[in-house]
């Protein structure tokens, strides 16, 4: 444990230990997503798969009958956060993202998927 002291040595402020920080970054999260806008016919699913693999998140994505792309993500908390941001702001070069919704976010004990795939 790392301790930092204020000017008053009787008062200590506890910082997170290295182990606690490592454990927080290793927390596995799972979340469902749906992306709205011009996301079909613009290679959005392929770019999503590539980004997921690059970040090391697992899951899947697919086109829906409503003109959106939906799927599931799972991975370390920091990587899931980065993937969610990518889905909200980046997408494929020809896409137009109007909004991205994330639901059912939860901590998981282990992975459900082996990689990131595109479903048809």
PDB file of N, CA and C in Angstrom:
ATOM      1  N   UNK A   1       0.843  -1.168   0.000  1.00  0.00           N
ATOM      2  CA  UNK A   1       0.000   0.000   0.000  1.00  0.00           C
ATOM      3  C   UNK A   1       0.891   1.235   0.000  1.00  0.00           C
ATOM      4  N   UNK A   2       0.503   2.232  -0.769  1.00  0.00           N
ATOM      5  CA  UNK A   2       1.233   3.485  -0.851  1.00  0.00           C
ATOM      6  C   UNK A   2       0.521   4.492   0.037  1.00  0.00           C
ATOM      7  N   UNK A   3       1.287   5.202   0.852  1.00  0.00           N
ATOM      8  CA  UNK A   3       0.691   6.227   1.710  1.00  0.00           C
ATOM      9  C   UNK A   3       1.328   7.573   1.392  1.00  0.00           C
ATOM     10  N   UNK A   4       0.496   8.580   1.368  1.00  0.00           N
ATOM     11  CA  UNK A   4       0.975   9.947   1.201  1.00  0.00           C
ATOM     12  C   UNK A   4       0.594  10.705   2.456  1.00  0.00           C
ATOM     13  N   UNK A   5       1.461  11.564   2.896  1.00  0.00           N
ATOM     14  CA  UNK A   5       1.197  12.309   4.113  1.00  0.00           C
ATOM     15  C   UNK A   5       1.010  13.785   3.800  1.00  0.00           C
ATOM     16  N   UNK A   6       0.094  14.387   4.523  1.00  0.00           N
ATOM     17  CA  UNK A   6      -0.116  15.823   4.408  1.00  0.00           C
ATOM     18  C   UNK A   6       0.920  16.511   5.280  1.00  0.00           C
ATOM     19  N   UNK A   7       0.833  17.816   5.403  1.00  0.00           N
ATOM     20  CA  UNK A   7       1.777  18.533   6.258  1.00  0.00           C
ATOM     21  C   UNK A   7       1.601  18.134   7.721  1.00  0.00           C
ATOM     22  N   UNK A   8       0.455  17.586   8.065  1.00  0.00           N
ATOM     23  CA  UNK A   8       0.211  17.078   9.406  1.00  0.00           C
ATOM     24  C   UNK A   8       0.470  15.574   9.375  1.00  0.00           C
ATOM     25  N   UNK A   9       1.570  15.092   9.967  1.00  0.00           N
ATOM     26  CA  UNK A   9       1.895  13.673   9.887  1.00  0.00           C
ATOM     27  C   UNK A   9       0.861  12.758  10.534  1.00  0.00           C
ATOM     28  N   UNK A  10      -0.014  13.288  11.343  1.00  0.00           N
ATOM     29  CA  UNK A  10      -1.045  12.460  11.975  1.00  0.00           C
ATOM     30  C   UNK A  10      -2.165  12.117  11.002  1.00  0.00           C
ATOM     31  N   UNK A  11      -2.249  12.847   9.886  1.00  0.00           N
ATOM     32  CA  UNK A  11      -3.300  12.633   8.895  1.00  0.00           C
ATOM     33  C   UNK A  11      -2.671  11.990   7.659  1.00  0.00           C
ATOM     34  N   UNK A  12      -3.117  10.790   7.318  1.00  0.00           N
ATOM     35  CA  UNK A  12      -2.594  10.145   6.112  1.00  0.00           C
ATOM     36  C   UNK A  12      -3.719  10.000   5.104  1.00  0.00           C
ATOM     37  N   UNK A  13      -3.363  10.067   3.838  1.00  0.00           N
ATOM     38  CA  UNK A  13      -4.312   9.877   2.748  1.00  0.00           C
ATOM     39  C   UNK A  13      -3.883   8.620   2.019  1.00  0.00           C
ATOM     40  N   UNK A  14      -4.760   7.621   1.978  1.00  0.00           N
ATOM     41  CA  UNK A  14      -4.432   6.348   1.354  1.00  0.00           C
ATOM     42  C   UNK A  14      -4.658   6.437  -0.149  1.00  0.00           C
ATOM     43  N   UNK A  15      -3.676   6.045  -0.923  1.00  0.00           N
ATOM     44  CA  UNK A  15      -3.802   5.940  -2.368  1.00  0.00           C
ATOM     45  C   UNK A  15      -4.026   4.488  -2.731  1.00  0.00           C
ATOM     46  N   UNK A  16      -4.550   4.266  -3.908  1.00  0.00           N
ATOM     47  CA  UNK A  16      -4.750   2.896  -4.379  1.00  0.00           C
ATOM     48  C   UNK A  16      -3.397   2.218  -4.544  1.00  0.00           C
ATOM     49  N   UNK A  17      -3.326   0.967  -4.136  1.00  0.00           N
ATOM     50  CA  UNK A  17      -2.088   0.216  -4.316  1.00  0.00           C
ATOM     51  C   UNK A  17      -1.966  -0.190  -5.786  1.00  0.00           C
ATOM     52  N   UNK A  18      -0.791  -0.586  -6.155  1.00  0.00           N
ATOM     53  CA  UNK A  18      -0.539  -1.054  -7.522  1.00  0.00           C
ATOM     54  C   UNK A  18      -1.462  -2.236  -7.835  1.00  0.00           C
ATOM     55  N   UNK A  19      -1.624  -3.143  -6.893  1.00  0.00           N
ATOM     56  CA  UNK A  19      -2.489  -4.307  -7.089  1.00  0.00           C
ATOM     57  C   UNK A  19      -3.928  -3.880  -7.339  1.00  0.00           C
ATOM     58  N   UNK A  20      -4.421  -2.919  -6.564  1.00  0.00           N
ATOM     59  CA  UNK A  20      -5.794  -2.439  -6.748  1.00  0.00           C
ATOM     60  C   UNK A  20      -5.975  -1.798  -8.116  1.00  0.00           C
ATOM     61  N   UNK A  21      -4.984  -1.032  -8.559  1.00  0.00           N
ATOM     62  CA  UNK A  21      -5.068  -0.403  -9.884  1.00  0.00           C
ATOM     63  C   UNK A  21      -5.060  -1.458 -10.982  1.00  0.00           C
ATOM     64  N   UNK A  22      -4.218  -2.466 -10.846  1.00  0.00           N
ATOM     65  CA  UNK A  22      -4.161  -3.529 -11.850  1.00  0.00           C
ATOM     66  C   UNK A  22      -5.466  -4.296 -11.901  1.00  0.00           C
ATOM     67  N   UNK A  23      -6.052  -4.558 -10.728  1.00  0.00           N
ATOM     68  CA  UNK A  23      -7.313  -5.298 -10.690  1.00  0.00           C
ATOM     69  C   UNK A  23      -8.432  -4.500 -11.344  1.00  0.00           C
ATOM     70  N   UNK A  24      -8.459  -3.190 -11.148  1.00  0.00           N
ATOM     71  CA  UNK A  24      -9.506  -2.357 -11.742  1.00  0.00           C
ATOM     72  C   UNK A  24      -9.412  -2.385 -13.263  1.00  0.00           C
ATOM     73  N   UNK A  25      -8.194  -2.360 -13.798  1.00  0.00           N
ATOM     74  CA  UNK A  25      -8.045  -2.370 -15.254  1.00  0.00           C
ATOM     75  C   UNK A  25      -8.349  -3.749 -15.829  1.00  0.00           C
ATOM     76  N   UNK A  26      -8.326  -4.782 -14.989  1.00  0.00           N
ATOM     77  CA  UNK A  26      -8.609  -6.129 -15.461  1.00  0.00           C
ATOM     78  C   UNK A  26     -10.072  -6.534 -15.279  1.00  0.00           C
ATOM     79  N   UNK A  27     -10.885  -5.668 -14.666  1.00  0.00           N
ATOM     80  CA  UNK A  27     -12.312  -5.966 -14.536  1.00  0.00           C
ATOM     81  C   UNK A  27     -12.877  -6.222 -15.921  1.00  0.00           C
ATOM     82  N   UNK A  28     -13.615  -7.306 -16.075  1.00  0.00           N
ATOM     83  CA  UNK A  28     -14.244  -7.616 -17.356  1.00  0.00           C
ATOM     84  C   UNK A  28     -15.665  -7.086 -17.351  1.00  0.00           C
ATOM     85  N   UNK A  29     -16.008  -6.370 -18.403  1.00  0.00           N
ATOM     86  CA  UNK A  29     -17.355  -5.849 -18.571  1.00  0.00           C
ATOM     87  C   UNK A  29     -17.983  -6.423 -19.820  1.00  0.00           C
ATOM     88  N   UNK A  30     -19.307  -6.504 -19.802  1.00  0.00           N
ATOM     89  CA  UNK A  30     -20.087  -6.872 -20.980  1.00  0.00           C
ATOM     90  C   UNK A  30     -21.156  -5.807 -21.158  1.00  0.00           C
ATOM     91  N   UNK A  31     -21.459  -5.479 -22.399  1.00  0.00           N
ATOM     92  CA  UNK A  31     -22.482  -4.477 -22.687  1.00  0.00           C
ATOM     93  C   UNK A  31     -23.100  -4.751 -24.059  1.00  0.00           C
ATOM     94  N   UNK A  32     -24.408  -4.497 -24.176  1.00  0.00           N
ATOM     95  CA  UNK A  32     -25.111  -4.567 -25.456  1.00  0.00           C
ATOM     96  C   UNK A  32     -25.071  -3.177 -26.088  1.00  0.00           C
ATOM     97  N   UNK A  33     -25.013  -3.119 -27.417  1.00  0.00           N
ATOM     98  CA  UNK A  33     -25.010  -1.812 -28.083  1.00  0.00           C
ATOM     99  C   UNK A  33     -25.892  -1.826 -29.326  1.00  0.00           C
ATOM    100  N   UNK A  34     -26.315  -0.615 -29.703  1.00  0.00           N
ATOM    101  CA  UNK A  34     -27.012  -0.407 -30.970  1.00  0.00           C
ATOM    102  C   UNK A  34     -26.611   0.966 -31.484  1.00  0.00           C
ATOM    103  N   UNK A  35     -26.220   1.014 -32.757  1.00  0.00           N
ATOM    104  CA  UNK A  35     -25.747   2.254 -33.372  1.00  0.00           C
ATOM    105  C   UNK A  35     -26.739   2.664 -34.452  1.00  0.00           C
ATOM    106  N   UNK A  36     -27.162   3.937 -34.397  1.00  0.00           N
ATOM    107  CA  UNK A  36     -28.161   4.500 -35.302  1.00  0.00           C
ATOM    108  C   UNK A  36     -27.503   5.500 -36.240  1.00  0.00           C
ATOM    109  N   UNK A  37     -28.036   5.625 -37.438  1.00  0.00           N
ATOM    110  CA  UNK A  37     -27.523   6.561 -38.434  1.00  0.00           C
ATOM    111  C   UNK A  37     -27.354   5.829 -39.753  1.00  0.00           C
ATOM    112  N   UNK A  38     -26.412   6.316 -40.555  1.00  0.00           N
ATOM    113  CA  UNK A  38     -26.092   5.614 -41.803  1.00  0.00           C
ATOM    114  C   UNK A  38     -24.971   4.632 -41.487  1.00  0.00           C
ATOM    115  N   UNK A  39     -25.378   3.434 -41.061  1.00  0.00           N
ATOM    116  CA  UNK A  39     -24.404   2.452 -40.599  1.00  0.00           C
ATOM    117  C   UNK A  39     -24.516   1.118 -41.343  1.00  0.00           C
ATOM    118  N   UNK A  40     -25.442   1.032 -42.292  1.00  0.00           N
ATOM    119  CA  UNK A  40     -25.537  -0.172 -43.120  1.00  0.00           C
ATOM    120  C   UNK A  40     -25.103   0.177 -44.537  1.00  0.00           C
ATOM    121  N   UNK A  41     -24.408  -0.765 -45.175  1.00  0.00           N
ATOM    122  CA  UNK A  41     -23.927  -0.534 -46.537  1.00  0.00           C
ATOM    123  C   UNK A  41     -22.699   0.354 -46.595  1.00  0.00           C
ATOM    124  N   UNK A  42     -22.043   0.585 -45.460  1.00  0.00           N
ATOM    125  CA  UNK A  42     -20.855   1.446 -45.405  1.00  0.00           C
ATOM    126  C   UNK A  42     -19.699   0.747 -44.676  1.00  0.00           C
ATOM    127  N   UNK A  43     -19.719  -0.580 -44.673  1.00  0.00           N
ATOM    128  CA  UNK A  43     -18.680  -1.404 -44.051  1.00  0.00           C
ATOM    129  C   UNK A  43     -18.545  -1.184 -42.546  1.00  0.00           C
ATOM    130  N   UNK A  44     -19.616  -0.708 -41.909  1.00  0.00           N
ATOM    131  CA  UNK A  44     -19.577  -0.435 -40.478  1.00  0.00           C
ATOM    132  C   UNK A  44     -19.263  -1.690 -39.671  1.00  0.00           C
ATOM    133  N   UNK A  45     -19.902  -2.805 -40.031  1.00  0.00           N
ATOM    134  CA  UNK A  45     -19.663  -4.048 -39.280  1.00  0.00           C
ATOM    135  C   UNK A  45     -18.217  -4.505 -39.408  1.00  0.00           C
ATOM    136  N   UNK A  46     -17.652  -4.434 -40.592  1.00  0.00           N
ATOM    137  CA  UNK A  46     -16.262  -4.854 -40.808  1.00  0.00           C
ATOM    138  C   UNK A  46     -15.302  -3.972 -40.014  1.00  0.00           C
ATOM    139  N   UNK A  47     -15.512  -2.668 -40.040  1.00  0.00           N
ATOM    140  CA  UNK A  47     -14.656  -1.764 -39.270  1.00  0.00           C
ATOM    141  C   UNK A  47     -14.834  -1.990 -37.771  1.00  0.00           C
ATOM    142  N   UNK A  48     -16.052  -2.305 -37.348  1.00  0.00           N
ATOM    143  CA  UNK A  48     -16.310  -2.588 -35.937  1.00  0.00           C
ATOM    144  C   UNK A  48     -15.556  -3.844 -35.518  1.00  0.00           C
ATOM    145  N   UNK A  49     -15.608  -4.864 -36.345  1.00  0.00           N
ATOM    146  CA  UNK A  49     -14.872  -6.099 -36.058  1.00  0.00           C
ATOM    147  C   UNK A  49     -13.369  -5.817 -35.975  1.00  0.00           C
ATOM    148  N   UNK A  50     -12.848  -5.067 -36.932  1.00  0.00           N
ATOM    149  CA  UNK A  50     -11.415  -4.748 -36.942  1.00  0.00           C
ATOM    150  C   UNK A  50     -11.019  -3.968 -35.686  1.00  0.00           C
ATOM    151  N   UNK A  51     -11.827  -2.986 -35.293  1.00  0.00           N
ATOM    152  CA  UNK A  51     -11.517  -2.176 -34.114  1.00  0.00           C
ATOM    153  C   UNK A  51     -11.598  -3.026 -32.848  1.00  0.00           C
ATOM    154  N   UNK A  52     -12.604  -3.896 -32.782  1.00  0.00           N
ATOM    155  CA  UNK A  52     -12.734  -4.785 -31.630  1.00  0.00           C
ATOM    156  C   UNK A  52     -11.521  -5.689 -31.477  1.00  0.00           C
ATOM    157  N   UNK A  53     -11.078  -6.251 -32.580  1.00  0.00           N
ATOM    158  CA  UNK A  53      -9.902  -7.120 -32.539  1.00  0.00           C
ATOM    159  C   UNK A  53      -8.648  -6.328 -32.169  1.00  0.00           C
ATOM    160  N   UNK A  54      -8.527  -5.128 -32.714  1.00  0.00           N
ATOM    161  CA  UNK A  54      -7.370  -4.287 -32.401  1.00  0.00           C
ATOM    162  C   UNK A  54      -7.312  -3.962 -30.910  1.00  0.00           C
ATOM    163  N   UNK A  55      -8.466  -3.671 -30.321  1.00  0.00           N
ATOM    164  CA  UNK A  55      -8.516  -3.326 -28.897  1.00  0.00           C
ATOM    165  C   UNK A  55      -8.485  -4.559 -27.985  1.00  0.00           C
ATOM    166  N   UNK A  56      -8.769  -5.717 -28.540  1.00  0.00           N
ATOM    167  CA  UNK A  56      -8.792  -6.924 -27.727  1.00  0.00           C
ATOM    168  C   UNK A  56     -10.114  -7.158 -27.020  1.00  0.00           C
ATOM    169  N   UNK A  57     -11.202  -6.566 -27.559  1.00  0.00           N
ATOM    170  CA  UNK A  57     -12.525  -6.871 -27.018  1.00  0.00           C
ATOM    171  C   UNK A  57     -13.144  -7.986 -27.849  1.00  0.00           C
ATOM    172  N   UNK A  58     -14.063  -8.687 -27.238  1.00  0.00           N
ATOM    173  CA  UNK A  58     -14.733  -9.800 -27.905  1.00  0.00           C
ATOM    174  C   UNK A  58     -16.214  -9.479 -28.030  1.00  0.00           C
ATOM    175  N   UNK A  59     -16.897 -10.224 -28.885  1.00  0.00           N
ATOM    176  CA  UNK A  59     -18.329 -10.031 -29.054  1.00  0.00           C
ATOM    177  C   UNK A  59     -18.748 -10.238 -30.482  1.00  0.00           C
ATOM    178  N   UNK A  60     -19.766  -9.483 -30.892  1.00  0.00           N
ATOM    179  CA  UNK A  60     -20.305  -9.626 -32.239  1.00  0.00           C
ATOM    180  C   UNK A  60     -21.088  -8.367 -32.604  1.00  0.00           C
ATOM    181  N   UNK A  61     -21.359  -8.219 -33.908  1.00  0.00           N
ATOM    182  CA  UNK A  61     -22.247  -7.162 -34.387  1.00  0.00           C
ATOM    183  C   UNK A  61     -22.994  -7.668 -35.604  1.00  0.00           C
ATOM    184  N   UNK A  62     -24.143  -7.056 -35.875  1.00  0.00           N
ATOM    185  CA  UNK A  62     -24.951  -7.453 -37.030  1.00  0.00           C
ATOM    186  C   UNK A  62     -25.860  -6.302 -37.443  1.00  0.00           C
ATOM    187  N   UNK A  63     -26.275  -6.314 -38.706  1.00  0.00           N
ATOM    188  CA  UNK A  63     -27.298  -5.385 -39.171  1.00  0.00           C
ATOM    189  C   UNK A  63     -28.644  -5.818 -38.605  1.00  0.00           C
ATOM    190  N   UNK A  64     -29.498  -4.837 -38.310  1.00  0.00           N
ATOM    191  CA  UNK A  64     -30.852  -5.153 -37.862  1.00  0.00           C
ATOM    192  C   UNK A  64     -31.844  -4.800 -38.975  1.00  0.00           C
ATOM    193  N   UNK A  65     -33.073  -5.219 -38.801  1.00  0.00           N
ATOM    194  CA  UNK A  65     -34.130  -4.886 -39.768  1.00  0.00           C
ATOM    195  C   UNK A  65     -34.557  -3.429 -39.653  1.00  0.00           C
ATOM    196  N   UNK A  66     -34.075  -2.727 -38.636  1.00  0.00           N
ATOM    197  CA  UNK A  66     -34.428  -1.318 -38.410  1.00  0.00           C
ATOM    198  C   UNK A  66     -33.398  -0.361 -39.001  1.00  0.00           C
ATOM    199  N   UNK A  67     -32.394  -0.903 -39.700  1.00  0.00           N
ATOM    200  CA  UNK A  67     -31.365  -0.059 -40.311  1.00  0.00           C
ATOM    201  C   UNK A  67     -30.245   0.326 -39.361  1.00  0.00           C
ATOM    202  N   UNK A  68     -30.151  -0.362 -38.227  1.00  0.00           N
ATOM    203  CA  UNK A  68     -29.094  -0.088 -37.256  1.00  0.00           C
ATOM    204  C   UNK A  68     -28.090  -1.239 -37.254  1.00  0.00           C
ATOM    205  N   UNK A  69     -27.047  -1.062 -36.481  1.00  0.00           N
ATOM    206  CA  UNK A  69     -26.103  -2.145 -36.214  1.00  0.00           C
ATOM    207  C   UNK A  69     -26.153  -2.388 -34.710  1.00  0.00           C
ATOM    208  N   UNK A  70     -26.380  -3.646 -34.326  1.00  0.00           N
ATOM    209  CA  UNK A  70     -26.473  -4.017 -32.916  1.00  0.00           C
ATOM    210  C   UNK A  70     -25.446  -5.088 -32.606  1.00  0.00           C
ATOM    211  N   UNK A  71     -25.142  -5.254 -31.322  1.00  0.00           N
ATOM    212  CA  UNK A  71     -24.199  -6.295 -30.937  1.00  0.00           C
ATOM    213  C   UNK A  71     -23.921  -6.302 -29.462  1.00  0.00           C
ATOM    214  N   UNK A  72     -22.905  -7.056 -29.122  1.00  0.00           N
ATOM    215  CA  UNK A  72     -22.453  -7.174 -27.741  1.00  0.00           C
ATOM    216  C   UNK A  72     -20.942  -7.033 -27.700  1.00  0.00           C
ATOM    217  N   UNK A  73     -20.461  -6.433 -26.619  1.00  0.00           N
ATOM    218  CA  UNK A  73     -19.025  -6.283 -26.374  1.00  0.00           C
ATOM    219  C   UNK A  73     -18.704  -6.904 -25.033  1.00  0.00           C
ATOM    220  N   UNK A  74     -17.501  -7.430 -24.896  1.00  0.00           N
ATOM    221  CA  UNK A  74     -16.998  -7.833 -23.596  1.00  0.00           C
ATOM    222  C   UNK A  74     -15.480  -7.734 -23.610  1.00  0.00           C
ATOM    223  N   UNK A  75     -14.938  -7.319 -22.475  1.00  0.00           N
ATOM    224  CA  UNK A  75     -13.498  -7.191 -22.362  1.00  0.00           C
ATOM    225  C   UNK A  75     -13.119  -6.394 -21.145  1.00  0.00           C
ATOM    226  N   UNK A  76     -11.817  -6.104 -21.006  1.00  0.00           N
ATOM    227  CA  UNK A  76     -11.368  -5.287 -19.889  1.00  0.00           C
ATOM    228  C   UNK A  76     -12.060  -3.922 -19.916  1.00  0.00           C
ATOM    229  N   UNK A  77     -12.355  -3.408 -18.733  1.00  0.00           N
ATOM    230  CA  UNK A  77     -13.115  -2.171 -18.616  1.00  0.00           C
ATOM    231  C   UNK A  77     -12.558  -1.046 -19.475  1.00  0.00           C
ATOM    232  N   UNK A  78     -11.250  -0.821 -19.440  1.00  0.00           N
ATOM    233  CA  UNK A  78     -10.670   0.288 -20.199  1.00  0.00           C
ATOM    234  C   UNK A  78     -10.845   0.091 -21.702  1.00  0.00           C
ATOM    235  N   UNK A  79     -10.750  -1.135 -22.179  1.00  0.00           N
ATOM    236  CA  UNK A  79     -10.918  -1.416 -23.614  1.00  0.00           C
ATOM    237  C   UNK A  79     -12.373  -1.286 -24.044  1.00  0.00           C
ATOM    238  N   UNK A  80     -13.299  -1.707 -23.178  1.00  0.00           N
ATOM    239  CA  UNK A  80     -14.732  -1.554 -23.478  1.00  0.00           C
ATOM    240  C   UNK A  80     -15.079  -0.074 -23.571  1.00  0.00           C
ATOM    241  N   UNK A  81     -14.528   0.730 -22.685  1.00  0.00           N
ATOM    242  CA  UNK A  81     -14.770   2.181 -22.733  1.00  0.00           C
ATOM    243  C   UNK A  81     -14.265   2.757 -24.054  1.00  0.00           C
ATOM    244  N   UNK A  82     -13.080   2.346 -24.483  1.00  0.00           N
ATOM    245  CA  UNK A  82     -12.535   2.846 -25.755  1.00  0.00           C
ATOM    246  C   UNK A  82     -13.390   2.402 -26.938  1.00  0.00           C
ATOM    247  N   UNK A  83     -13.887   1.167 -26.907  1.00  0.00           N
ATOM    248  CA  UNK A  83     -14.729   0.662 -27.997  1.00  0.00           C
ATOM    249  C   UNK A  83     -16.062   1.408 -28.024  1.00  0.00           C
ATOM    250  N   UNK A  84     -16.632   1.676 -26.869  1.00  0.00           N
ATOM    251  CA  UNK A  84     -17.893   2.428 -26.821  1.00  0.00           C
ATOM    252  C   UNK A  84     -17.706   3.820 -27.426  1.00  0.00           C
ATOM    253  N   UNK A  85     -16.594   4.456 -27.114  1.00  0.00           N
ATOM    254  CA  UNK A  85     -16.315   5.781 -27.675  1.00  0.00           C
ATOM    255  C   UNK A  85     -16.161   5.699 -29.191  1.00  0.00           C
ATOM    256  N   UNK A  86     -15.484   4.654 -29.676  1.00  0.00           N
ATOM    257  CA  UNK A  86     -15.312   4.465 -31.116  1.00  0.00           C
ATOM    258  C   UNK A  86     -16.671   4.294 -31.792  1.00  0.00           C
ATOM    259  N   UNK A  87     -17.564   3.510 -31.182  1.00  0.00           N
ATOM    260  CA  UNK A  87     -18.904   3.290 -31.746  1.00  0.00           C
ATOM    261  C   UNK A  87     -19.726   4.578 -31.755  1.00  0.00           C
ATOM    262  N   UNK A  88     -19.514   5.456 -30.806  1.00  0.00           N
ATOM    263  CA  UNK A  88     -20.267   6.712 -30.718  1.00  0.00           C
ATOM    264  C   UNK A  88     -19.741   7.784 -31.665  1.00  0.00           C
ATOM    265  N   UNK A  89     -18.416   7.792 -31.892  1.00  0.00           N
ATOM    266  CA  UNK A  89     -17.815   8.950 -32.557  1.00  0.00           C
ATOM    267  C   UNK A  89     -17.099   8.669 -33.872  1.00  0.00           C
ATOM    268  N   UNK A  90     -16.669   7.419 -34.098  1.00  0.00           N
ATOM    269  CA  UNK A  90     -15.805   7.161 -35.253  1.00  0.00           C
ATOM    270  C   UNK A  90     -16.499   6.316 -36.310  1.00  0.00           C
ATOM    271  N   UNK A  91     -16.675   5.039 -36.052  1.00  0.00           N
ATOM    272  CA  UNK A  91     -17.299   4.156 -37.033  1.00  0.00           C
ATOM    273  C   UNK A  91     -16.461   4.000 -38.284  1.00  0.00           C
ATOM    274  N   UNK A  92     -17.105   3.575 -39.356  1.00  0.00           N
ATOM    275  CA  UNK A  92     -16.392   3.429 -40.630  1.00  0.00           C
ATOM    276  C   UNK A  92     -16.308   4.795 -41.313  1.00  0.00           C
ATOM    277  N   UNK A  93     -15.354   4.954 -42.239  1.00  0.00           N
ATOM    278  CA  UNK A  93     -15.163   6.266 -42.876  1.00  0.00           C
ATOM    279  C   UNK A  93     -16.414   6.827 -43.570  1.00  0.00           C
ATOM    280  N   UNK A  94     -17.252   5.972 -44.155  1.00  0.00           N
ATOM    281  CA  UNK A  94     -18.431   6.453 -44.886  1.00  0.00           C
ATOM    282  C   UNK A  94     -19.698   6.483 -44.035  1.00  0.00           C
ATOM    283  N   UNK A  95     -19.588   6.100 -42.769  1.00  0.00           N
ATOM    284  CA  UNK A  95     -20.785   6.063 -41.918  1.00  0.00           C
ATOM    285  C   UNK A  95     -21.114   7.452 -41.373  1.00  0.00           C
ATOM    286  N   UNK A  96     -22.349   7.577 -40.899  1.00  0.00           N
ATOM    287  CA  UNK A  96     -22.782   8.769 -40.165  1.00  0.00           C
ATOM    288  C   UNK A  96     -23.478   8.256 -38.907  1.00  0.00           C
ATOM    289  N   UNK A  97     -22.884   8.493 -37.770  1.00  0.00           N
ATOM    290  CA  UNK A  97     -23.436   8.010 -36.513  1.00  0.00           C
ATOM    291  C   UNK A  97     -24.316   9.099 -35.911  1.00  0.00           C
ATOM    292  N   UNK A  98     -25.612   8.790 -35.785  1.00  0.00           N
ATOM    293  CA  UNK A  98     -26.526   9.730 -35.138  1.00  0.00           C
ATOM    294  C   UNK A  98     -26.506   9.550 -33.627  1.00  0.00           C
ATOM    295  N   UNK A  99     -26.501   8.308 -33.191  1.00  0.00           N
ATOM    296  CA  UNK A  99     -26.395   8.019 -31.758  1.00  0.00           C
ATOM    297  C   UNK A  99     -26.031   6.554 -31.571  1.00  0.00           C
ATOM    298  N   UNK A 100     -25.498   6.256 -30.396  1.00  0.00           N
ATOM    299  CA  UNK A 100     -25.199   4.877 -29.998  1.00  0.00           C
ATOM    300  C   UNK A 100     -25.796   4.674 -28.613  1.00  0.00           C
ATOM    301  N   UNK A 101     -26.496   3.570 -28.449  1.00  0.00           N
ATOM    302  CA  UNK A 101     -27.098   3.243 -27.166  1.00  0.00           C
ATOM    303  C   UNK A 101     -26.400   2.017 -26.586  1.00  0.00           C
ATOM    304  N   UNK A 102     -26.191   2.059 -25.268  1.00  0.00           N
ATOM    305  CA  UNK A 102     -25.542   0.958 -24.558  1.00  0.00           C
ATOM    306  C   UNK A 102     -26.455   0.542 -23.411  1.00  0.00           C
ATOM    307  N   UNK A 103     -26.711  -0.756 -23.319  1.00  0.00           N
ATOM    308  CA  UNK A 103     -27.631  -1.275 -22.310  1.00  0.00           C
ATOM    309  C   UNK A 103     -27.039  -2.514 -21.655  1.00  0.00           C
ATOM    310  N   UNK A 104     -27.568  -2.816 -20.490  1.00  0.00           N
ATOM    311  CA  UNK A 104     -27.229  -4.059 -19.778  1.00  0.00           C
ATOM    312  C   UNK A 104     -25.739  -4.197 -19.473  1.00  0.00           C
ATOM    313  N   UNK A 105     -25.077  -3.084 -19.173  1.00  0.00           N
ATOM    314  CA  UNK A 105     -23.662  -3.166 -18.830  1.00  0.00           C
ATOM    315  C   UNK A 105     -23.512  -3.851 -17.476  1.00  0.00           C
ATOM    316  N   UNK A 106     -22.609  -4.819 -17.426  1.00  0.00           N
ATOM    317  CA  UNK A 106     -22.410  -5.566 -16.179  1.00  0.00           C
ATOM    318  C   UNK A 106     -21.008  -6.116 -16.121  1.00  0.00           C
ATOM    319  N   UNK A 107     -20.557  -6.378 -14.913  1.00  0.00           N
ATOM    320  CA  UNK A 107     -19.269  -7.019 -14.722  1.00  0.00           C
ATOM    321  C   UNK A 107     -19.456  -8.520 -14.916  1.00  0.00           C
ATOM    322  N   UNK A 108     -18.494  -9.150 -15.588  1.00  0.00           N
ATOM    323  CA  UNK A 108     -18.561 -10.589 -15.832  1.00  0.00           C
ATOM    324  C   UNK A 108     -17.314 -11.260 -15.269  1.00  0.00           C
ATOM    325  N   UNK A 109     -17.439 -12.539 -14.986  1.00  0.00           N
ATOM    326  CA  UNK A 109     -16.316 -13.312 -14.439  1.00  0.00           C
ATOM    327  C   UNK A 109     -15.378 -13.813 -15.533  1.00  0.00           C
ATOM    328  N   UNK A 110     -15.958 -14.158 -16.701  1.00  0.00           N
ATOM    329  CA  UNK A 110     -15.159 -14.741 -17.777  1.00  0.00           C
ATOM    330  C   UNK A 110     -15.806 -14.400 -19.115  1.00  0.00           C
ATOM    331  N   UNK A 111     -15.050 -14.574 -20.171  1.00  0.00           N
ATOM    332  CA  UNK A 111     -15.536 -14.289 -21.515  1.00  0.00           C
ATOM    333  C   UNK A 111     -16.596 -15.294 -21.966  1.00  0.00           C
ATOM    334  N   UNK A 112     -17.532 -14.806 -22.789  1.00  0.00           N
ATOM    335  CA  UNK A 112     -18.528 -15.662 -23.432  1.00  0.00           C
ATOM    336  C   UNK A 112     -18.151 -15.941 -24.887  1.00  0.00           C
ATOM    337  N   UNK A 113     -17.326 -15.073 -25.469  1.00  0.00           N
ATOM    338  CA  UNK A 113     -16.961 -15.165 -26.884  1.00  0.00           C
ATOM    339  C   UNK A 113     -15.463 -15.374 -27.025  1.00  0.00           C
ATOM    340  N   UNK A 114     -15.060 -16.008 -28.126  1.00  0.00           N
ATOM    341  CA  UNK A 114     -13.652 -16.282 -28.377  1.00  0.00           C
ATOM    342  C   UNK A 114     -12.956 -15.138 -29.113  1.00  0.00           C
ATOM    343  N   UNK A 115     -13.731 -14.365 -29.883  1.00  0.00           N
ATOM    344  CA  UNK A 115     -13.174 -13.251 -30.648  1.00  0.00           C
ATOM    345  C   UNK A 115     -14.292 -12.267 -30.936  1.00  0.00           C
ATOM    346  N   UNK A 116     -14.082 -11.381 -31.896  1.00  0.00           N
ATOM    347  CA  UNK A 116     -15.137 -10.454 -32.308  1.00  0.00           C
ATOM    348  C   UNK A 116     -15.573 -10.851 -33.717  1.00  0.00           C
ATOM    349  N   UNK A 117     -16.861 -11.108 -33.890  1.00  0.00           N
ATOM    350  CA  UNK A 117     -17.348 -11.605 -35.179  1.00  0.00           C
ATOM    351  C   UNK A 117     -18.465 -10.738 -35.732  1.00  0.00           C
ATOM    352  N   UNK A 118     -18.692 -10.899 -37.020  1.00  0.00           N
ATOM    353  CA  UNK A 118     -19.830 -10.273 -37.708  1.00  0.00           C
ATOM    354  C   UNK A 118     -20.864 -11.366 -37.905  1.00  0.00           C
ATOM    355  N   UNK A 119     -22.081 -11.090 -37.474  1.00  0.00           N
ATOM    356  CA  UNK A 119     -23.168 -12.044 -37.668  1.00  0.00           C
ATOM    357  C   UNK A 119     -24.032 -11.588 -38.826  1.00  0.00           C
ATOM    358  N   UNK A 120     -24.623 -12.562 -39.511  1.00  0.00           N
ATOM    359  CA  UNK A 120     -25.476 -12.255 -40.670  1.00  0.00           C
ATOM    360  C   UNK A 120     -26.900 -12.715 -40.432  1.00  0.00           C
TER     361      UNK A 120
END
